[in-house]
C-alpha atoms as a PDB file:
ATOM      1  CA  MET A   1      95.966  25.871-104.871  1.00  0.00           C
ATOM      2  CA  LYS A   2      96.198  23.312-107.683  1.00  0.00           C
ATOM      3  CA  LYS A   3      98.500  20.403-107.044  1.00  0.00           C
ATOM      4  CA  ASN A   4      99.899  20.348-110.591  1.00  0.00           C
ATOM      5  CA  LYS A   5     101.248  23.900-110.347  1.00  0.00           C
ATOM      6  CA  GLN A   6     104.659  24.564-108.897  1.00  0.00           C
ATOM      7  CA  THR A   7     104.773  27.164-106.176  1.00  0.00           C
ATOM      8  CA  LEU A   8     107.153  30.087-106.288  1.00  0.00           C
ATOM      9  CA  LEU A   9     108.911  28.795-103.172  1.00  0.00           C
ATOM     10  CA  ASN A  10     109.414  25.315-104.663  1.00  0.00           C
ATOM     11  CA  PHE A  11     110.689  26.849-107.883  1.00  0.00           C
ATOM     12  CA  TRP A  12     113.234  28.982-106.012  1.00  0.00           C
ATOM     13  CA  GLU A  13     114.405  26.007-103.932  1.00  0.00           C
ATOM     14  CA  ASP A  14     114.797  23.916-107.091  1.00  0.00           C
ATOM     15  CA  GLN A  15     116.845  26.708-108.706  1.00  0.00           C
ATOM     16  CA  MET A  16     119.167  26.864-105.686  1.00  0.00           C
ATOM     17  CA  ARG A  17     119.795  23.107-105.821  1.00  0.00           C
ATOM     18  CA  HIS A  18     121.167  23.565-109.356  1.00  0.00           C
ATOM     19  CA  SER A  19     122.918  26.874-108.738  1.00  0.00           C
ATOM     20  CA  HIS A  20     126.387  25.609-109.667  1.00  0.00           C
ATOM     21  CA  THR A  21     125.297  24.860-113.255  1.00  0.00           C
ATOM     22  CA  SER A  22     122.194  26.952-113.730  1.00  0.00           C
ATOM     23  CA  SER A  23     122.152  29.917-116.070  1.00  0.00           C
ATOM     24  CA  ASN A  24     119.207  31.208-114.052  1.00  0.00           C
ATOM     25  CA  TYR A  25     121.472  31.526-111.033  1.00  0.00           C
ATOM     26  CA  PHE A  26     124.433  32.948-112.982  1.00  0.00           C
ATOM     27  CA  PHE A  27     122.423  35.707-114.656  1.00  0.00           C
ATOM     28  CA  ARG A  28     120.800  36.765-111.407  1.00  0.00           C
ATOM     29  CA  LYS A  29     124.055  37.478-109.588  1.00  0.00           C
ATOM     30  CA  SER A  30     123.739  41.200-110.260  1.00  0.00           C
ATOM     31  CA  PRO A  31     121.639  43.665-112.250  1.00  0.00           C
ATOM     32  CA  SER A  32     124.470  43.752-114.830  1.00  0.00           C
ATOM     33  CA  HIS A  33     124.329  39.975-115.315  1.00  0.00           C
ATOM     34  CA  TYR A  34     120.558  40.072-115.690  1.00  0.00           C
ATOM     35  CA  HIS A  35     120.639  43.030-118.086  1.00  0.00           C
ATOM     36  CA  MET A  36     123.246  41.241-120.222  1.00  0.00           C
ATOM     37  CA  MET A  37     121.087  38.133-120.424  1.00  0.00           C
ATOM     38  CA  LEU A  38     118.085  40.195-121.522  1.00  0.00           C
ATOM     39  CA  LEU A  39     120.099  42.090-124.146  1.00  0.00           C
ATOM     40  CA  VAL A  40     121.502  38.888-125.669  1.00  0.00           C
ATOM     41  CA  MET A  41     118.157  37.093-125.619  1.00  0.00           C
ATOM     42  CA  SER A  42     116.358  40.126-127.059  1.00  0.00           C
ATOM     43  CA  ALA A  43     118.833  40.316-129.958  1.00  0.00           C
ATOM     44  CA  PHE A  44     118.455  36.567-130.527  1.00  0.00           C
ATOM     45  CA  HIS A  45     114.648  36.743-130.406  1.00  0.00           C
ATOM     46  CA  ASN A  46     114.655  39.633-132.913  1.00  0.00           C
ATOM     47  CA  SER A  47     117.229  37.894-135.176  1.00  0.00           C
ATOM     48  CA  GLU A  48     119.666  40.779-134.713  1.00  0.00           C
ATOM     49  CA  LYS A  49     123.442  40.562-134.624  1.00  0.00           C
ATOM     50  CA  LEU A  50     124.967  41.800-131.382  1.00  0.00           C
ATOM     51  CA  SER A  51     128.704  42.405-131.203  1.00  0.00           C
ATOM     52  CA  VAL A  52     130.645  42.154-127.968  1.00  0.00           C
ATOM     53  CA  GLU A  53     131.456  45.863-128.196  1.00  0.00           C
ATOM     54  CA  GLU A  54     127.779  46.779-128.695  1.00  0.00           C
ATOM     55  CA  LEU A  55     126.844  44.666-125.706  1.00  0.00           C
ATOM     56  CA  LYS A  56     129.460  46.372-123.511  1.00  0.00           C
ATOM     57  CA  THR A  57     128.167  49.769-124.631  1.00  0.00           C
ATOM     58  CA  LYS A  58     124.504  48.933-123.967  1.00  0.00           C
ATOM     59  CA  LEU A  59     125.091  47.739-120.410  1.00  0.00           C
ATOM     60  CA  PHE A  60     124.361  50.661-118.147  1.00  0.00           C
ATOM     61  CA  LYS A  61     126.293  51.288-114.940  1.00  0.00           C
ATOM     62  CA  THR A  62     128.781  48.546-115.802  1.00  0.00           C
ATOM     63  CA  SER A  63     132.409  49.213-116.658  1.00  0.00           C
ATOM     64  CA  ARG A  64     133.799  47.755-119.859  1.00  0.00           C
ATOM     65  CA  PRO A  65     136.301  45.552-117.959  1.00  0.00           C
ATOM     66  CA  LYS A  66     133.487  44.209-115.737  1.00  0.00           C
ATOM     67  CA  SER A  67     131.334  43.583-118.820  1.00  0.00           C
ATOM     68  CA  ALA A  68     134.213  41.701-120.440  1.00  0.00           C
ATOM     69  CA  LEU A  69     134.596  39.519-117.329  1.00  0.00           C
ATOM     70  CA  ILE A  70     130.886  38.638-117.317  1.00  0.00           C
ATOM     71  CA  ILE A  71     130.959  37.796-121.040  1.00  0.00           C
ATOM     72  CA  THR A  72     134.065  35.641-120.600  1.00  0.00           C
ATOM     73  CA  GLU A  73     132.526  33.759-117.686  1.00  0.00           C
ATOM     74  CA  ALA A  74     129.235  33.249-119.564  1.00  0.00           C
ATOM     75  CA  CYS A  75     131.181  31.819-122.515  1.00  0.00           C
ATOM     76  CA  GLU A  76     133.260  29.547-120.255  1.00  0.00           C
ATOM     77  CA  LYS A  77     130.065  28.214-118.678  1.00  0.00           C
ATOM     78  CA  GLY A  78     128.627  27.549-122.139  1.00  0.00           C
ATOM     79  CA  PHE A  79     125.799  30.092-122.001  1.00  0.00           C
ATOM     80  CA  PHE A  80     127.117  32.345-124.797  1.00  0.00           C
ATOM     81  CA  ILE A  81     129.025  31.675-128.014  1.00  0.00           C
ATOM     82  CA  LEU A  82     131.330  34.174-129.726  1.00  0.00           C
ATOM     83  CA  GLU A  83     131.494  34.174-133.511  1.00  0.00           C
ATOM     84  CA  LYS A  84     133.869  36.165-135.723  1.00  0.00           C
ATOM     85  CA  THR A  85     132.182  38.064-138.527  1.00  0.00           C
ATOM     86  CA  SER A  86     133.043  37.272-142.123  1.00  0.00           C
ATOM     87  CA  THR A  87     133.600  40.919-143.027  1.00  0.00           C
ATOM     88  CA  ASP A  88     135.884  41.945-140.147  1.00  0.00           C
ATOM     89  CA  GLN A  89     137.656  39.240-138.151  1.00  0.00           C
ATOM     90  CA  ARG A  90     138.223  41.656-135.255  1.00  0.00           C
ATOM     91  CA  ILE A  91     134.484  41.923-134.592  1.00  0.00           C
ATOM     92  CA  LYS A  92     132.911  39.123-132.572  1.00  0.00           C
ATOM     93  CA  ASN A  93     129.183  38.627-132.386  1.00  0.00           C
ATOM     94  CA  ILE A  94     127.670  37.089-129.311  1.00  0.00           C
ATOM     95  CA  ARG A  95     124.772  34.675-129.329  1.00  0.00           C
ATOM     96  CA  PRO A  96     123.208  32.316-126.809  1.00  0.00           C
ATOM     97  CA  SER A  97     124.093  28.628-126.933  1.00  0.00           C
ATOM     98  CA  GLN A  98     121.316  26.166-127.724  1.00  0.00           C
ATOM     99  CA  SER A  99     121.445  24.771-124.194  1.00  0.00           C
ATOM    100  CA  PHE A 100     120.987  28.285-122.776  1.00  0.00           C
ATOM    101  CA  ILE A 101     118.114  28.996-125.193  1.00  0.00           C
ATOM    102  CA  ASP A 102     116.412  25.799-124.000  1.00  0.00           C
ATOM    103  CA  GLU A 103     117.011  26.608-120.328  1.00  0.00           C
ATOM    104  CA  PHE A 104     115.764  30.186-120.799  1.00  0.00           C
ATOM    105  CA  SER A 105     112.591  28.935-122.530  1.00  0.00           C
ATOM    106  CA  ASP A 106     111.962  26.423-119.748  1.00  0.00           C
ATOM    107  CA  TYR A 107     112.481  29.192-117.199  1.00  0.00           C
ATOM    108  CA  LEU A 108     109.946  31.474-118.898  1.00  0.00           C
ATOM    109  CA  ASN A 109     107.404  28.659-119.242  1.00  0.00           C
ATOM    110  CA  THR A 110     107.812  27.752-115.577  1.00  0.00           C
ATOM    111  CA  LEU A 111     107.329  31.378-114.514  1.00  0.00           C
ATOM    112  CA  LYS A 112     104.109  31.546-116.541  1.00  0.00           C
ATOM    113  CA  ASN A 113     102.705  28.576-114.621  1.00  0.00           C
ATOM    114  CA  LEU A 114     103.820  29.445-111.087  1.00  0.00           C
ATOM    115  CA  SER A 115     101.452  30.024-108.274  1.00  0.00           C
ATOM    116  CA  TYR A 116     102.167  31.337-104.832  1.00  0.00           C
END
């Protein structure tokens, strides 16, 4: 094993040390959290607008109230940002914050370089 590569075990232990602030920990609480993260990041990556209502609809096996709670918590933690649309002020689009985008990119890069 190369010394410059992080092992999967070390990576997991590092993630747990930062669990109180880490988006990686937050979005792995449940399949619904993880699915939401992937939907938001996919829309961002494809430069698509994603409304809160669309996100709630796309989440499978998750009630709308539960989806709303996850979105609210993700916004409070600074992972997501809600923006009102210019055409209809009732519609809010959801996008990842820059800090979450950076953390997500670091996470993906780390996973690419892990060894076990």
